[in-house]
N, C-alpha and C. Protein backbone atom coordinates (compact mmCIF):
# COMPACT_ATOMS: atom_id res chain seq x y z
N MET A 1 1.09 -1.21 0.13
CA MET A 1 -0.15 0.07 0.15
C MET A 1 1.09 1.32 -0.04
N LYS A 2 1.73 1.38 1.10
CA LYS A 2 2.70 2.38 0.72
C LYS A 2 3.15 3.25 -0.71
N VAL A 3 3.89 1.80 -0.97
CA VAL A 3 4.26 2.05 -2.58
C VAL A 3 3.34 2.34 -3.53
N TRP A 4 2.72 2.36 -3.80
CA TRP A 4 1.16 2.92 -4.38
C TRP A 4 1.05 4.49 -4.14
N THR A 5 1.02 4.83 -2.35
CA THR A 5 0.93 6.09 -2.26
C THR A 5 1.62 6.78 -2.62
N LEU A 6 3.34 6.55 -2.27
CA LEU A 6 4.40 6.86 -3.12
C LEU A 6 4.53 7.18 -4.81
N VAL A 7 4.29 6.59 -5.25
CA VAL A 7 3.92 6.64 -6.62
C VAL A 7 2.83 7.54 -7.64
N GLY A 8 1.44 7.49 -7.00
CA GLY A 8 1.07 8.07 -6.97
C GLY A 8 0.81 9.66 -6.36
N ALA A 9 1.62 9.69 -5.06
CA ALA A 9 2.54 11.40 -4.58
C ALA A 9 3.38 11.71 -6.02
N GLY A 10 4.20 10.42 -6.09
CA GLY A 10 5.39 10.81 -7.09
C GLY A 10 4.49 11.86 -8.72
N ALA A 11 3.72 10.82 -9.57
CA ALA A 11 2.39 11.50 -10.01
C ALA A 11 1.60 12.75 -9.53
N LEU A 12 1.84 13.12 -8.98
CA LEU A 12 1.15 14.35 -8.34
C LEU A 12 1.69 15.45 -8.49
N LEU A 13 3.19 15.13 -8.40
CA LEU A 13 4.49 16.09 -8.08
C LEU A 13 4.77 17.03 -9.63
N VAL A 14 4.75 15.89 -10.46
CA VAL A 14 5.02 15.93 -11.61
C VAL A 14 4.30 16.27 -12.12
N THR A 15 3.04 16.43 -11.99
CA THR A 15 1.87 17.00 -12.85
C THR A 15 1.78 18.80 -12.24
N LEU A 16 2.13 18.55 -11.34
CA LEU A 16 1.97 20.14 -10.33
C LEU A 16 3.37 20.67 -11.19
N ALA A 17 4.41 20.61 -11.26
CA ALA A 17 5.71 20.40 -12.15
C ALA A 17 5.69 21.54 -12.89
N GLY A 18 5.15 20.38 -14.04
CA GLY A 18 5.05 20.57 -14.86
C GLY A 18 4.95 22.35 -15.68
N PRO A 19 4.90 22.26 -16.80
CA PRO A 19 5.06 23.53 -17.88
C PRO A 19 3.70 24.36 -17.18
N ALA A 20 4.01 26.19 -17.39
CA ALA A 20 2.61 26.83 -17.37
C ALA A 20 1.69 26.79 -18.90
N LEU A 21 0.90 26.72 -19.13
CA LEU A 21 -0.17 26.36 -19.84
C LEU A 21 0.32 27.73 -20.68
N ALA A 22 -0.42 27.77 -21.89
CA ALA A 22 -0.35 29.32 -22.87
C ALA A 22 -1.68 29.71 -23.16
N LYS A 23 -2.00 30.88 -22.93
CA LYS A 23 -3.06 31.29 -23.25
C LYS A 23 -3.58 32.30 -24.02
N ASP A 24 -4.63 32.05 -24.99
CA ASP A 24 -5.00 32.45 -26.36
C ASP A 24 -5.04 34.64 -25.94
N ALA A 25 -4.06 34.98 -26.55
CA ALA A 25 -3.73 37.05 -26.67
C ALA A 25 -3.92 37.15 -27.67
N ARG A 26 -3.36 38.44 -27.61
CA ARG A 26 -3.49 39.32 -29.06
C ARG A 26 -2.14 39.77 -28.56
N CYS A 27 -1.21 39.91 -29.73
CA CYS A 27 0.44 40.21 -29.35
C CYS A 27 -0.04 41.69 -30.66
N PHE A 28 1.47 41.96 -29.87
CA PHE A 28 2.09 43.51 -31.17
C PHE A 28 3.13 43.89 -31.51
N SER A 29 4.11 43.90 -32.42
CA SER A 29 5.75 44.37 -32.21
C SER A 29 5.72 45.08 -33.43
N THR A 30 6.79 46.22 -33.45
CA THR A 30 6.99 46.61 -34.24
C THR A 30 6.81 46.44 -35.82
N ASP A 31 7.38 45.20 -36.36
CA ASP A 31 7.39 44.68 -37.26
C ASP A 31 6.94 43.56 -37.53
N ASP A 32 5.60 43.50 -36.50
CA ASP A 32 4.65 42.59 -37.21
C ASP A 32 3.29 42.89 -37.16
N GLY A 33 3.09 43.77 -36.66
CA GLY A 33 1.96 44.35 -36.15
C GLY A 33 0.80 43.93 -35.11
N GLU A 34 -0.21 43.59 -35.01
CA GLU A 34 -0.94 43.31 -34.48
C GLU A 34 -1.42 41.90 -35.00
N TYR A 35 -1.43 40.69 -33.75
CA TYR A 35 -1.91 39.77 -34.36
C TYR A 35 -2.42 38.82 -33.25
N PRO A 36 -3.46 37.72 -33.48
CA PRO A 36 -3.74 36.62 -32.22
C PRO A 36 -2.22 35.80 -32.45
N CYS A 37 -2.03 35.26 -30.36
CA CYS A 37 -0.85 34.83 -30.17
C CYS A 37 -1.18 34.11 -28.95
N GLN A 38 -0.28 33.06 -28.59
CA GLN A 38 -0.17 32.00 -27.24
C GLN A 38 0.78 33.29 -26.55
N PHE A 39 0.72 33.13 -25.39
CA PHE A 39 0.94 34.15 -24.19
C PHE A 39 1.73 33.29 -23.00
N GLU A 40 2.75 33.00 -22.82
CA GLU A 40 2.63 32.29 -21.81
C GLU A 40 4.02 32.55 -20.63
N THR A 41 3.36 32.61 -19.28
CA THR A 41 4.06 32.79 -18.03
C THR A 41 5.34 32.15 -17.97
N LEU A 42 6.58 32.35 -17.60
CA LEU A 42 7.72 32.14 -17.87
C LEU A 42 8.05 31.78 -16.12
N ASP A 43 8.00 33.45 -15.14
CA ASP A 43 8.41 33.28 -13.72
C ASP A 43 7.48 33.84 -12.89
N LYS A 44 8.25 34.30 -12.01
CA LYS A 44 7.04 34.89 -10.79
C LYS A 44 7.33 36.70 -10.87
N SER A 45 8.81 36.63 -11.70
CA SER A 45 8.30 37.75 -12.14
C SER A 45 7.91 38.81 -12.70
N GLY A 46 7.32 37.98 -14.02
CA GLY A 46 6.99 38.50 -14.35
C GLY A 46 7.13 38.35 -16.60
N SER A 47 8.22 37.49 -16.34
CA SER A 47 8.66 37.33 -17.55
C SER A 47 8.00 35.98 -18.51
N PHE A 48 7.87 36.43 -19.43
CA PHE A 48 7.08 35.58 -20.72
C PHE A 48 7.37 35.12 -22.32
N GLU A 49 6.93 34.86 -23.00
CA GLU A 49 6.81 34.08 -23.85
C GLU A 49 5.72 34.29 -24.79
N ILE A 50 5.81 34.94 -26.09
CA ILE A 50 4.24 34.88 -26.98
C ILE A 50 5.00 33.98 -27.95
N SER A 51 3.90 33.56 -28.98
CA SER A 51 4.20 32.65 -30.21
C SER A 51 2.76 32.68 -31.13
N ALA A 52 3.27 32.42 -32.20
CA ALA A 52 2.27 32.36 -33.13
C ALA A 52 2.63 32.00 -34.32
N PRO A 53 2.16 31.53 -35.44
CA PRO A 53 2.54 30.47 -36.09
C PRO A 53 2.73 31.69 -37.50
N GLY A 54 3.93 31.29 -38.09
CA GLY A 54 4.40 32.47 -39.39
C GLY A 54 4.84 34.17 -38.34
N LYS A 55 5.23 34.14 -37.55
CA LYS A 55 5.25 35.24 -36.86
C LYS A 55 6.65 34.78 -35.49
N PRO A 56 7.70 35.95 -35.66
CA PRO A 56 8.63 35.13 -34.32
C PRO A 56 8.72 35.42 -33.17
N SER A 57 8.49 34.25 -32.60
CA SER A 57 8.66 33.85 -31.07
C SER A 57 9.24 34.80 -29.96
N PHE A 58 8.47 35.40 -29.35
CA PHE A 58 9.52 36.27 -28.36
C PHE A 58 9.42 35.60 -27.03
N GLN A 59 10.15 36.20 -26.33
CA GLN A 59 10.91 35.80 -24.70
C GLN A 59 11.69 37.35 -24.48
N LEU A 60 10.24 37.26 -23.23
CA LEU A 60 11.01 38.90 -22.47
C LEU A 60 11.58 38.45 -21.36
N LEU A 61 12.57 38.81 -20.99
CA LEU A 61 13.39 38.26 -19.43
C LEU A 61 13.21 39.39 -18.43
N ILE A 62 12.04 39.17 -17.13
CA ILE A 62 12.36 40.99 -16.79
C ILE A 62 12.99 40.14 -15.16
N GLU A 63 13.77 41.21 -15.02
CA GLU A 63 14.35 41.24 -13.46
C GLU A 63 14.13 43.02 -13.02
N ASP A 64 13.57 43.36 -11.74
CA ASP A 64 13.51 44.52 -11.44
C ASP A 64 13.41 45.67 -12.33
N GLY A 65 12.34 45.23 -13.03
CA GLY A 65 11.44 46.35 -14.08
C GLY A 65 12.30 46.22 -15.41
N THR A 66 13.31 45.73 -15.74
CA THR A 66 13.71 46.00 -17.06
C THR A 66 13.77 44.50 -17.58
N ALA A 67 13.13 44.20 -18.82
CA ALA A 67 13.86 43.00 -19.83
C ALA A 67 15.26 43.03 -21.09
N THR A 68 14.84 42.03 -20.60
CA THR A 68 16.28 42.09 -22.22
C THR A 68 15.03 41.13 -22.87
N ALA A 69 14.62 41.50 -24.10
CA ALA A 69 14.70 40.65 -25.31
C ALA A 69 15.42 38.82 -26.49
N GLY A 70 14.63 38.35 -26.40
CA GLY A 70 15.05 37.52 -27.27
C GLY A 70 14.57 37.52 -28.67
N ALA A 71 14.33 36.79 -29.58
CA ALA A 71 13.29 36.10 -30.44
C ALA A 71 13.61 34.60 -31.49
N VAL A 72 12.96 34.17 -31.69
CA VAL A 72 13.45 32.49 -32.76
C VAL A 72 12.19 33.62 -34.06
N PHE A 73 13.13 33.85 -34.71
CA PHE A 73 12.60 33.66 -36.04
C PHE A 73 11.81 33.38 -37.26
N GLU A 74 12.61 31.87 -36.75
CA GLU A 74 11.58 30.30 -38.23
C GLU A 74 12.06 29.17 -37.45
N PRO A 75 10.65 28.53 -37.06
CA PRO A 75 10.31 26.87 -36.51
C PRO A 75 11.54 26.43 -36.54
N GLY A 76 12.20 26.44 -35.15
CA GLY A 76 13.26 25.09 -34.77
C GLY A 76 14.57 26.23 -35.05
N GLY A 77 14.88 27.66 -35.77
CA GLY A 77 15.72 28.38 -35.26
C GLY A 77 16.60 28.75 -33.57
N ARG A 78 17.34 29.24 -33.73
CA ARG A 78 18.05 29.31 -32.02
C ARG A 78 17.42 30.99 -31.96
N MET A 79 17.28 30.95 -30.75
CA MET A 79 17.44 32.13 -30.03
C MET A 79 17.82 33.47 -30.31
N VAL A 80 18.08 34.48 -30.63
CA VAL A 80 18.61 35.81 -31.19
C VAL A 80 18.21 36.70 -30.70
N TRP A 81 19.44 37.47 -29.00
CA TRP A 81 19.04 38.33 -28.41
C TRP A 81 19.28 39.70 -29.06
N LEU A 82 17.94 40.40 -28.68
CA LEU A 82 17.41 41.62 -29.53
C LEU A 82 18.37 42.65 -29.03
N PRO A 83 18.73 43.79 -29.72
CA PRO A 83 19.54 44.90 -28.57
C PRO A 83 18.92 45.78 -27.70
N GLY A 84 19.63 45.69 -26.96
CA GLY A 84 18.97 46.81 -25.48
C GLY A 84 17.88 46.66 -24.54
N ASN A 85 17.95 47.23 -23.83
CA ASN A 85 16.31 46.81 -22.79
C ASN A 85 15.66 47.08 -22.72
N TYR A 86 14.62 46.71 -22.18
CA TYR A 86 12.88 46.99 -22.69
C TYR A 86 12.69 47.36 -21.54
N GLU A 87 11.97 48.58 -21.45
CA GLU A 87 11.49 49.07 -20.12
C GLU A 87 9.63 49.14 -20.56
N ARG A 88 8.52 49.00 -19.44
CA ARG A 88 7.23 48.90 -19.44
C ARG A 88 6.84 50.20 -20.40
N SER A 89 5.51 50.18 -21.13
CA SER A 89 5.79 51.38 -21.48
C SER A 89 4.89 52.04 -20.52
N GLY A 90 4.59 53.60 -20.80
CA GLY A 90 4.56 54.30 -19.50
C GLY A 90 2.26 54.19 -19.85
N LYS A 91 2.09 54.33 -21.87
CA LYS A 91 1.36 54.68 -22.16
C LYS A 91 -0.01 53.34 -22.11
N ASP A 92 1.06 51.98 -21.80
CA ASP A 92 0.64 50.48 -22.16
C ASP A 92 1.03 50.06 -21.30
N PRO A 93 1.22 49.39 -20.22
CA PRO A 93 1.33 48.67 -19.61
C PRO A 93 1.60 47.12 -19.79
N ALA A 94 1.21 46.98 -20.83
CA ALA A 94 1.10 45.76 -21.45
C ALA A 94 1.95 45.37 -22.51
N CYS A 95 2.93 46.41 -22.68
CA CYS A 95 3.76 47.07 -23.86
C CYS A 95 4.92 46.93 -22.87
N TRP A 96 6.36 46.72 -23.62
CA TRP A 96 7.58 46.71 -23.41
C TRP A 96 7.92 47.43 -24.90
N VAL A 97 8.87 48.38 -24.38
CA VAL A 97 10.19 49.31 -25.40
C VAL A 97 11.08 49.40 -25.31
N SER A 98 11.99 49.22 -26.21
CA SER A 98 13.67 49.46 -26.46
C SER A 98 13.98 50.56 -26.64
N ALA A 99 14.01 51.73 -25.85
CA ALA A 99 14.87 53.06 -26.23
C ALA A 99 15.82 52.68 -26.95
N ASP A 100 16.97 51.81 -27.46
CA ASP A 100 17.93 51.93 -28.00
C ASP A 100 17.49 51.79 -29.29
N THR A 101 16.02 51.27 -29.72
CA THR A 101 15.82 50.33 -30.65
C THR A 101 14.46 51.08 -31.29
N ASP A 102 13.49 51.27 -30.59
CA ASP A 102 11.96 52.50 -30.30
C ASP A 102 11.58 51.20 -30.91
N THR A 103 11.65 49.80 -30.90
CA THR A 103 10.92 48.55 -31.14
C THR A 103 10.13 48.65 -30.11
N GLU A 104 8.59 47.88 -30.86
CA GLU A 104 7.71 47.41 -29.42
C GLU A 104 7.50 45.94 -29.23
N ILE A 105 7.10 45.74 -28.05
CA ILE A 105 6.51 44.25 -27.85
C ILE A 105 5.29 44.32 -27.04
N CYS A 106 4.11 43.70 -27.28
CA CYS A 106 3.06 44.12 -26.22
C CYS A 106 1.69 42.21 -26.42
N ALA A 107 1.32 42.66 -24.98
CA ALA A 107 0.59 41.28 -25.67
C ALA A 107 -0.91 41.10 -23.98
N TRP A 108 -1.92 41.59 -24.98
CA TRP A 108 -2.79 41.51 -23.86
C TRP A 108 -3.63 40.39 -23.74
């Protein structure tokens, strides 16, 4: 009986520790405009990833209110880190803007 309890507890732990589920969202990037996408939270600091068929996938890694951003431009491609840091937009808190490149990435 104890063995089955341990197996069940282990299975529950694996299930709870699994990746976060992506949610339907609307996204925007300066180069791609607005489009339907999938939004996935990556950690407690607010880091996230957005993806959509035919569009680059973006990751924003947020630390102390500033983000670094990376993109995968083709399926199976490698992550390319985008220049500069991204700050939360004063006009729309769902958007992050790079002062270095004037590019914007948003997810609602």
